[in-house]
Amino acid sequence: MIRFQQNARPRNDTPSHLFAIGQTVRMKSRTGLVQKTAELFEIKSRLPVKDGSPQYRIRSEQETHERVTTEDNLEPADNPAVANNPAV
C-alpha cells in the first residue's frame, strides 16, 4: 500500500537556471587560462536540464548559427576576474 503524506512539499531536485534570456555570457576556458579574444554570446532561450546542468541556446554576433550548451560551460561576461586580468 502506498501512502501519501499530507501537506508534503513538492520535490525541487531540478537545478534552476542561473542566466536570464538576453544576458551576455562567455564560454569558460577549458585550459584554465583567460582567453585573449573571449567570444561573447547572448542567451536566446532556456532549455531543459541535461545531466544535472541547465541548458541554454546561445548566439554570437560573429556567427550565423546558434549553439546549445550547458550552464557549467558558461560564465557571466561581466566576470571581474577576466576583466581585471586581461591576457598579455
PDB file of N, CA and C in Angstrom:
ATOM      1  N   MET A   1       0.842  -1.177   0.000  1.00  0.00           N
ATOM      2  CA  MET A   1       0.000   0.000   0.000  1.00  0.00           C
ATOM      3  C   MET A   1       0.892   1.245   0.000  1.00  0.00           C
ATOM      4  N   ILE A   2       0.572   2.197  -0.861  1.00  0.00           N
ATOM      5  CA  ILE A   2       1.328   3.452  -0.940  1.00  0.00           C
ATOM      6  C   ILE A   2       0.561   4.516  -0.170  1.00  0.00           C
ATOM      7  N   ARG A   3       1.252   5.184   0.704  1.00  0.00           N
ATOM      8  CA  ARG A   3       0.631   6.268   1.463  1.00  0.00           C
ATOM      9  C   ARG A   3       1.254   7.594   1.039  1.00  0.00           C
ATOM     10  N   PHE A   4       0.410   8.577   0.897  1.00  0.00           N
ATOM     11  CA  PHE A   4       0.883   9.903   0.539  1.00  0.00           C
ATOM     12  C   PHE A   4       0.850  10.784   1.774  1.00  0.00           C
ATOM     13  N   GLN A   5       1.878  11.524   1.946  1.00  0.00           N
ATOM     14  CA  GLN A   5       1.997  12.412   3.103  1.00  0.00           C
ATOM     15  C   GLN A   5       1.159  13.667   2.859  1.00  0.00           C
ATOM     16  N   GLN A   6       0.343  14.019   3.833  1.00  0.00           N
ATOM     17  CA  GLN A   6      -0.455  15.229   3.690  1.00  0.00           C
ATOM     18  C   GLN A   6       0.439  16.457   3.830  1.00  0.00           C
ATOM     19  N   ASN A   7       0.128  17.479   3.075  1.00  0.00           N
ATOM     20  CA  ASN A   7       0.867  18.742   3.097  1.00  0.00           C
ATOM     21  C   ASN A   7       2.347  18.556   2.759  1.00  0.00           C
ATOM     22  N   ALA A   8       2.648  17.559   1.986  1.00  0.00           N
ATOM     23  CA  ALA A   8       4.042  17.329   1.596  1.00  0.00           C
ATOM     24  C   ALA A   8       4.481  18.405   0.613  1.00  0.00           C
ATOM     25  N   ARG A   9       5.713  18.853   0.752  1.00  0.00           N
ATOM     26  CA  ARG A   9       6.265  19.846  -0.177  1.00  0.00           C
ATOM     27  C   ARG A   9       6.680  19.156  -1.468  1.00  0.00           C
ATOM     28  N   PRO A  10       6.486  19.815  -2.590  1.00  0.00           N
ATOM     29  CA  PRO A  10       6.940  19.214  -3.847  1.00  0.00           C
ATOM     30  C   PRO A  10       8.467  19.156  -3.876  1.00  0.00           C
ATOM     31  N   ARG A  11       8.976  18.118  -4.501  1.00  0.00           N
ATOM     32  CA  ARG A  11      10.433  17.968  -4.606  1.00  0.00           C
ATOM     33  C   ARG A  11      10.975  18.978  -5.593  1.00  0.00           C
ATOM     34  N   ASN A  12      12.106  19.555  -5.254  1.00  0.00           N
ATOM     35  CA  ASN A  12      12.727  20.543  -6.127  1.00  0.00           C
ATOM     36  C   ASN A  12      14.156  20.106  -6.409  1.00  0.00           C
ATOM     37  N   ASP A  13      14.297  18.959  -7.086  1.00  0.00           N
ATOM     38  CA  ASP A  13      15.619  18.416  -7.397  1.00  0.00           C
ATOM     39  C   ASP A  13      16.216  19.043  -8.648  1.00  0.00           C
ATOM     40  N   THR A  14      15.386  19.675  -9.457  1.00  0.00           N
ATOM     41  CA  THR A  14      15.849  20.241 -10.710  1.00  0.00           C
ATOM     42  C   THR A  14      16.574  21.556 -10.456  1.00  0.00           C
ATOM     43  N   PRO A  15      17.829  21.655 -10.896  1.00  0.00           N
ATOM     44  CA  PRO A  15      18.558  22.913 -10.717  1.00  0.00           C
ATOM     45  C   PRO A  15      17.877  24.046 -11.490  1.00  0.00           C
ATOM     46  N   SER A  16      17.893  25.226 -10.916  1.00  0.00           N
ATOM     47  CA  SER A  16      17.297  26.369 -11.606  1.00  0.00           C
ATOM     48  C   SER A  16      18.333  27.015 -12.521  1.00  0.00           C
ATOM     49  N   HIS A  17      17.858  27.694 -13.546  1.00  0.00           N
ATOM     50  CA  HIS A  17      18.740  28.372 -14.491  1.00  0.00           C
ATOM     51  C   HIS A  17      19.368  29.599 -13.827  1.00  0.00           C
ATOM     52  N   LEU A  18      20.654  29.764 -14.002  1.00  0.00           N
ATOM     53  CA  LEU A  18      21.403  30.873 -13.419  1.00  0.00           C
ATOM     54  C   LEU A  18      21.336  32.125 -14.291  1.00  0.00           C
ATOM     55  N   PHE A  19      21.300  31.944 -15.604  1.00  0.00           N
ATOM     56  CA  PHE A  19      21.362  33.066 -16.538  1.00  0.00           C
ATOM     57  C   PHE A  19      19.978  33.381 -17.094  1.00  0.00           C
ATOM     58  N   ALA A  20      19.755  34.661 -17.392  1.00  0.00           N
ATOM     59  CA  ALA A  20      18.474  35.127 -17.922  1.00  0.00           C
ATOM     60  C   ALA A  20      18.544  35.251 -19.446  1.00  0.00           C
ATOM     61  N   ILE A  21      17.395  35.157 -20.080  1.00  0.00           N
ATOM     62  CA  ILE A  21      17.324  35.358 -21.533  1.00  0.00           C
ATOM     63  C   ILE A  21      17.739  36.800 -21.825  1.00  0.00           C
ATOM     64  N   GLY A  22      18.635  36.961 -22.808  1.00  0.00           N
ATOM     65  CA  GLY A  22      19.142  38.285 -23.158  1.00  0.00           C
ATOM     66  C   GLY A  22      20.456  38.625 -22.470  1.00  0.00           C
ATOM     67  N   GLN A  23      20.853  37.856 -21.463  1.00  0.00           N
ATOM     68  CA  GLN A  23      22.103  38.119 -20.735  1.00  0.00           C
ATOM     69  C   GLN A  23      23.301  37.751 -21.598  1.00  0.00           C
ATOM     70  N   THR A  24      24.398  38.502 -21.459  1.00  0.00           N
ATOM     71  CA  THR A  24      25.620  38.233 -22.205  1.00  0.00           C
ATOM     72  C   THR A  24      26.536  37.358 -21.359  1.00  0.00           C
ATOM     73  N   VAL A  25      27.029  36.287 -21.983  1.00  0.00           N
ATOM     74  CA  VAL A  25      27.905  35.324 -21.305  1.00  0.00           C
ATOM     75  C   VAL A  25      29.088  35.008 -22.209  1.00  0.00           C
ATOM     76  N   ARG A  26      30.051  34.288 -21.665  1.00  0.00           N
ATOM     77  CA  ARG A  26      31.165  33.774 -22.468  1.00  0.00           C
ATOM     78  C   ARG A  26      31.380  32.316 -22.078  1.00  0.00           C
ATOM     79  N   MET A  27      31.997  31.584 -22.972  1.00  0.00           N
ATOM     80  CA  MET A  27      32.312  30.188 -22.691  1.00  0.00           C
ATOM     81  C   MET A  27      33.510  30.156 -21.736  1.00  0.00           C
ATOM     82  N   LYS A  28      33.473  29.246 -20.779  1.00  0.00           N
ATOM     83  CA  LYS A  28      34.604  29.097 -19.865  1.00  0.00           C
ATOM     84  C   LYS A  28      35.780  28.519 -20.630  1.00  0.00           C
ATOM     85  N   SER A  29      36.972  28.948 -20.235  1.00  0.00           N
ATOM     86  CA  SER A  29      38.187  28.432 -20.846  1.00  0.00           C
ATOM     87  C   SER A  29      38.391  26.993 -20.398  1.00  0.00           C
ATOM     88  N   ARG A  30      38.697  26.131 -21.306  1.00  0.00           N
ATOM     89  CA  ARG A  30      38.920  24.722 -20.973  1.00  0.00           C
ATOM     90  C   ARG A  30      40.313  24.487 -20.398  1.00  0.00           C
ATOM     91  N   THR A  31      41.234  25.405 -20.650  1.00  0.00           N
ATOM     92  CA  THR A  31      42.606  25.239 -20.165  1.00  0.00           C
ATOM     93  C   THR A  31      42.832  25.919 -18.827  1.00  0.00           C
ATOM     94  N   GLY A  32      41.873  26.717 -18.378  1.00  0.00           N
ATOM     95  CA  GLY A  32      42.037  27.435 -17.125  1.00  0.00           C
ATOM     96  C   GLY A  32      42.690  28.793 -17.312  1.00  0.00           C
ATOM     97  N   LEU A  33      43.129  29.092 -18.525  1.00  0.00           N
ATOM     98  CA  LEU A  33      43.744  30.386 -18.819  1.00  0.00           C
ATOM     99  C   LEU A  33      42.695  31.325 -19.386  1.00  0.00           C
ATOM    100  N   VAL A  34      42.900  32.613 -19.175  1.00  0.00           N
ATOM    101  CA  VAL A  34      41.983  33.604 -19.724  1.00  0.00           C
ATOM    102  C   VAL A  34      42.195  33.670 -21.229  1.00  0.00           C
ATOM    103  N   GLN A  35      41.122  33.613 -21.973  1.00  0.00           N
ATOM    104  CA  GLN A  35      41.223  33.665 -23.425  1.00  0.00           C
ATOM    105  C   GLN A  35      41.476  35.088 -23.882  1.00  0.00           C
ATOM    106  N   LYS A  36      42.344  35.246 -24.875  1.00  0.00           N
ATOM    107  CA  LYS A  36      42.651  36.576 -25.408  1.00  0.00           C
ATOM    108  C   LYS A  36      41.414  37.222 -26.004  1.00  0.00           C
ATOM    109  N   THR A  37      40.780  36.523 -26.894  1.00  0.00           N
ATOM    110  CA  THR A  37      39.597  37.057 -27.565  1.00  0.00           C
ATOM    111  C   THR A  37      38.405  36.203 -27.154  1.00  0.00           C
ATOM    112  N   ALA A  38      37.974  36.387 -25.940  1.00  0.00           N
ATOM    113  CA  ALA A  38      36.827  35.622 -25.443  1.00  0.00           C
ATOM    114  C   ALA A  38      35.580  36.081 -26.169  1.00  0.00           C
ATOM    115  N   GLU A  39      34.980  35.166 -26.913  1.00  0.00           N
ATOM    116  CA  GLU A  39      33.799  35.494 -27.697  1.00  0.00           C
ATOM    117  C   GLU A  39      32.587  35.618 -26.776  1.00  0.00           C
ATOM    118  N   LEU A  40      31.797  36.640 -27.021  1.00  0.00           N
ATOM    119  CA  LEU A  40      30.609  36.873 -26.210  1.00  0.00           C
ATOM    120  C   LEU A  40      29.385  36.263 -26.884  1.00  0.00           C
ATOM    121  N   PHE A  41      28.491  35.733 -26.064  1.00  0.00           N
ATOM    122  CA  PHE A  41      27.263  35.109 -26.546  1.00  0.00           C
ATOM    123  C   PHE A  41      26.085  35.708 -25.796  1.00  0.00           C
ATOM    124  N   GLU A  42      24.940  35.722 -26.449  1.00  0.00           N
ATOM    125  CA  GLU A  42      23.712  36.168 -25.808  1.00  0.00           C
ATOM    126  C   GLU A  42      22.832  34.945 -25.565  1.00  0.00           C
ATOM    127  N   ILE A  43      22.241  34.864 -24.370  1.00  0.00           N
ATOM    128  CA  ILE A  43      21.312  33.784 -24.059  1.00  0.00           C
ATOM    129  C   ILE A  43      20.038  34.029 -24.859  1.00  0.00           C
ATOM    130  N   LYS A  44      19.685  33.086 -25.729  1.00  0.00           N
ATOM    131  CA  LYS A  44      18.489  33.204 -26.562  1.00  0.00           C
ATOM    132  C   LYS A  44      17.293  32.508 -25.937  1.00  0.00           C
ATOM    133  N   SER A  45      17.527  31.369 -25.272  1.00  0.00           N
ATOM    134  CA  SER A  45      16.438  30.668 -24.602  1.00  0.00           C
ATOM    135  C   SER A  45      16.994  29.690 -23.581  1.00  0.00           C
ATOM    136  N   ARG A  46      16.140  29.320 -22.643  1.00  0.00           N
ATOM    137  CA  ARG A  46      16.481  28.319 -21.634  1.00  0.00           C
ATOM    138  C   ARG A  46      15.927  26.982 -22.104  1.00  0.00           C
ATOM    139  N   LEU A  47      16.705  25.940 -21.904  1.00  0.00           N
ATOM    140  CA  LEU A  47      16.307  24.596 -22.305  1.00  0.00           C
ATOM    141  C   LEU A  47      16.284  23.696 -21.069  1.00  0.00           C
ATOM    142  N   PRO A  48      15.729  22.503 -21.180  1.00  0.00           N
ATOM    143  CA  PRO A  48      15.662  21.593 -20.029  1.00  0.00           C
ATOM    144  C   PRO A  48      17.045  21.185 -19.513  1.00  0.00           C
ATOM    145  N   VAL A  49      17.059  20.677 -18.302  1.00  0.00           N
ATOM    146  CA  VAL A  49      18.285  20.217 -17.647  1.00  0.00           C
ATOM    147  C   VAL A  49      18.801  18.958 -18.342  1.00  0.00           C
ATOM    148  N   LYS A  50      20.123  18.888 -18.525  1.00  0.00           N
ATOM    149  CA  LYS A  50      20.761  17.701 -19.099  1.00  0.00           C
ATOM    150  C   LYS A  50      21.914  17.302 -18.192  1.00  0.00           C
ATOM    151  N   ASP A  51      21.910  16.091 -17.716  1.00  0.00           N
ATOM    152  CA  ASP A  51      22.954  15.579 -16.829  1.00  0.00           C
ATOM    153  C   ASP A  51      23.180  16.482 -15.622  1.00  0.00           C
ATOM    154  N   GLY A  52      22.104  17.021 -15.061  1.00  0.00           N
ATOM    155  CA  GLY A  52      22.185  17.837 -13.853  1.00  0.00           C
ATOM    156  C   GLY A  52      22.564  19.291 -14.076  1.00  0.00           C
ATOM    157  N   SER A  53      22.704  19.713 -15.320  1.00  0.00           N
ATOM    158  CA  SER A  53      23.072  21.101 -15.604  1.00  0.00           C
ATOM    159  C   SER A  53      22.056  21.715 -16.571  1.00  0.00           C
ATOM    160  N   PRO A  54      21.480  22.877 -16.215  1.00  0.00           N
ATOM    161  CA  PRO A  54      20.543  23.536 -17.131  1.00  0.00           C
ATOM    162  C   PRO A  54      21.218  23.850 -18.468  1.00  0.00           C
ATOM    163  N   GLN A  55      20.447  23.793 -19.539  1.00  0.00           N
ATOM    164  CA  GLN A  55      20.968  24.082 -20.871  1.00  0.00           C
ATOM    165  C   GLN A  55      20.449  25.415 -21.381  1.00  0.00           C
ATOM    166  N   TYR A  56      21.190  25.973 -22.329  1.00  0.00           N
ATOM    167  CA  TYR A  56      20.824  27.254 -22.938  1.00  0.00           C
ATOM    168  C   TYR A  56      21.068  27.200 -24.434  1.00  0.00           C
ATOM    169  N   ARG A  57      20.293  27.969 -25.174  1.00  0.00           N
ATOM    170  CA  ARG A  57      20.555  28.225 -26.587  1.00  0.00           C
ATOM    171  C   ARG A  57      21.218  29.591 -26.617  1.00  0.00           C
ATOM    172  N   ILE A  58      22.427  29.671 -27.189  1.00  0.00           N
ATOM    173  CA  ILE A  58      23.201  30.914 -27.195  1.00  0.00           C
ATOM    174  C   ILE A  58      23.575  31.289 -28.627  1.00  0.00           C
ATOM    175  N   ARG A  59      23.883  32.575 -28.813  1.00  0.00           N
ATOM    176  CA  ARG A  59      24.265  33.043 -30.146  1.00  0.00           C
ATOM    177  C   ARG A  59      25.293  34.154 -30.035  1.00  0.00           C
ATOM    178  N   SER A  60      26.255  34.132 -30.937  1.00  0.00           N
ATOM    179  CA  SER A  60      27.275  35.159 -31.040  1.00  0.00           C
ATOM    180  C   SER A  60      26.967  36.019 -32.257  1.00  0.00           C
ATOM    181  N   GLU A  61      27.279  37.304 -32.168  1.00  0.00           N
ATOM    182  CA  GLU A  61      27.074  38.195 -33.316  1.00  0.00           C
ATOM    183  C   GLU A  61      27.975  37.818 -34.484  1.00  0.00           C
ATOM    184  N   GLN A  62      29.106  37.170 -34.216  1.00  0.00           N
ATOM    185  CA  GLN A  62      30.054  36.801 -35.269  1.00  0.00           C
ATOM    186  C   GLN A  62      29.661  35.522 -36.009  1.00  0.00           C
ATOM    187  N   GLU A  63      28.646  34.810 -35.517  1.00  0.00           N
ATOM    188  CA  GLU A  63      28.266  33.547 -36.141  1.00  0.00           C
ATOM    189  C   GLU A  63      26.845  33.633 -36.698  1.00  0.00           C
ATOM    190  N   THR A  64      26.575  32.807 -37.685  1.00  0.00           N
ATOM    191  CA  THR A  64      25.246  32.801 -38.303  1.00  0.00           C
ATOM    192  C   THR A  64      24.350  31.712 -37.722  1.00  0.00           C
ATOM    193  N   HIS A  65      24.844  30.964 -36.764  1.00  0.00           N
ATOM    194  CA  HIS A  65      24.069  29.871 -36.172  1.00  0.00           C
ATOM    195  C   HIS A  65      24.017  30.009 -34.653  1.00  0.00           C
ATOM    196  N   GLU A  66      23.136  29.255 -34.029  1.00  0.00           N
ATOM    197  CA  GLU A  66      23.035  29.226 -32.574  1.00  0.00           C
ATOM    198  C   GLU A  66      23.699  27.958 -32.064  1.00  0.00           C
ATOM    199  N   ARG A  67      24.091  27.982 -30.803  1.00  0.00           N
ATOM    200  CA  ARG A  67      24.684  26.820 -30.153  1.00  0.00           C
ATOM    201  C   ARG A  67      23.819  26.420 -28.971  1.00  0.00           C
ATOM    202  N   VAL A  68      23.956  25.183 -28.545  1.00  0.00           N
ATOM    203  CA  VAL A  68      23.325  24.709 -27.319  1.00  0.00           C
ATOM    204  C   VAL A  68      24.446  24.255 -26.398  1.00  0.00           C
ATOM    205  N   THR A  69      24.405  24.727 -25.148  1.00  0.00           N
ATOM    206  CA  THR A  69      25.431  24.353 -24.183  1.00  0.00           C
ATOM    207  C   THR A  69      24.819  24.260 -22.792  1.00  0.00           C
ATOM    208  N   THR A  70      25.535  23.618 -21.893  1.00  0.00           N
ATOM    209  CA  THR A  70      25.073  23.506 -20.513  1.00  0.00           C
ATOM    210  C   THR A  70      25.651  24.650 -19.685  1.00  0.00           C
ATOM    211  N   GLU A  71      24.978  24.932 -18.577  1.00  0.00           N
ATOM    212  CA  GLU A  71      25.344  26.055 -17.719  1.00  0.00           C
ATOM    213  C   GLU A  71      26.772  25.949 -17.181  1.00  0.00           C
ATOM    214  N   ASP A  72      27.258  24.730 -16.966  1.00  0.00           N
ATOM    215  CA  ASP A  72      28.603  24.576 -16.419  1.00  0.00           C
ATOM    216  C   ASP A  72      29.698  24.985 -17.402  1.00  0.00           C
ATOM    217  N   ASN A  73      29.345  25.251 -18.657  1.00  0.00           N
ATOM    218  CA  ASN A  73      30.308  25.730 -19.660  1.00  0.00           C
ATOM    219  C   ASN A  73      30.294  27.243 -19.813  1.00  0.00           C
ATOM    220  N   LEU A  74      29.416  27.939 -19.076  1.00  0.00           N
ATOM    221  CA  LEU A  74      29.244  29.380 -19.252  1.00  0.00           C
ATOM    222  C   LEU A  74      29.635  30.157 -18.003  1.00  0.00           C
ATOM    223  N   GLU A  75      29.990  31.421 -18.217  1.00  0.00           N
ATOM    224  CA  GLU A  75      30.232  32.353 -17.119  1.00  0.00           C
ATOM    225  C   GLU A  75      29.711  33.721 -17.555  1.00  0.00           C
ATOM    226  N   PRO A  76      29.324  34.569 -16.594  1.00  0.00           N
ATOM    227  CA  PRO A  76      28.838  35.902 -16.960  1.00  0.00           C
ATOM    228  C   PRO A  76      29.925  36.692 -17.690  1.00  0.00           C
ATOM    229  N   ALA A  77      29.545  37.505 -18.659  1.00  0.00           N
ATOM    230  CA  ALA A  77      30.514  38.294 -19.424  1.00  0.00           C
ATOM    231  C   ALA A  77      31.131  39.390 -18.575  1.00  0.00           C
ATOM    232  N   ASP A  78      30.447  39.802 -17.522  1.00  0.00           N
ATOM    233  CA  ASP A  78      30.979  40.856 -16.658  1.00  0.00           C
ATOM    234  C   ASP A  78      31.773  40.274 -15.490  1.00  0.00           C
ATOM    235  N   ASN A  79      32.368  39.091 -15.694  1.00  0.00           N
ATOM    236  CA  ASN A  79      33.170  38.422 -14.673  1.00  0.00           C
ATOM    237  C   ASN A  79      34.369  39.300 -14.322  1.00  0.00           C
ATOM    238  N   PRO A  80      34.489  39.817 -13.085  1.00  0.00           N
ATOM    239  CA  PRO A  80      35.575  40.719 -12.727  1.00  0.00           C
ATOM    240  C   PRO A  80      36.957  40.083 -12.826  1.00  0.00           C
ATOM    241  N   ALA A  81      37.048  38.784 -12.629  1.00  0.00           N
ATOM    242  CA  ALA A  81      38.363  38.133 -12.709  1.00  0.00           C
ATOM    243  C   ALA A  81      38.924  38.228 -14.122  1.00  0.00           C
ATOM    244  N   VAL A  82      38.060  38.126 -15.112  1.00  0.00           N
ATOM    245  CA  VAL A  82      38.504  38.215 -16.509  1.00  0.00           C
ATOM    246  C   VAL A  82      38.753  39.671 -16.879  1.00  0.00           C
ATOM    247  N   ALA A  83      37.884  40.569 -16.460  1.00  0.00           N
ATOM    248  CA  ALA A  83      38.003  41.982 -16.804  1.00  0.00           C
ATOM    249  C   ALA A  83      39.246  42.623 -16.189  1.00  0.00           C
ATOM    250  N   ASN A  84      39.622  42.205 -14.979  1.00  0.00           N
ATOM    251  CA  ASN A  84      40.760  42.815 -14.301  1.00  0.00           C
ATOM    252  C   ASN A  84      42.081  42.170 -14.654  1.00  0.00           C
ATOM    253  N   ASN A  85      42.071  41.024 -15.318  1.00  0.00           N
ATOM    254  CA  ASN A  85      43.299  40.325 -15.672  1.00  0.00           C
ATOM    255  C   ASN A  85      43.324  40.017 -17.158  1.00  0.00           C
ATOM    256  N   PRO A  86      43.442  41.026 -17.997  1.00  0.00           N
ATOM    257  CA  PRO A  86      43.461  40.745 -19.440  1.00  0.00           C
ATOM    258  C   PRO A  86      44.680  39.928 -19.815  1.00  0.00           C
ATOM    259  N   ALA A  87      44.538  39.092 -20.805  1.00  0.00           N
ATOM    260  CA  ALA A  87      45.652  38.246 -21.272  1.00  0.00           C
ATOM    261  C   ALA A  87      46.681  39.125 -21.970  1.00  0.00           C
ATOM    262  N   VAL A  88      47.934  38.744 -21.820  1.00  0.00           N
ATOM    263  CA  VAL A  88      49.014  39.528 -22.421  1.00  0.00           C
ATOM    264  C   VAL A  88      49.382  38.963 -23.758  1.00  0.00           C
TER     265      VAL A  88
END
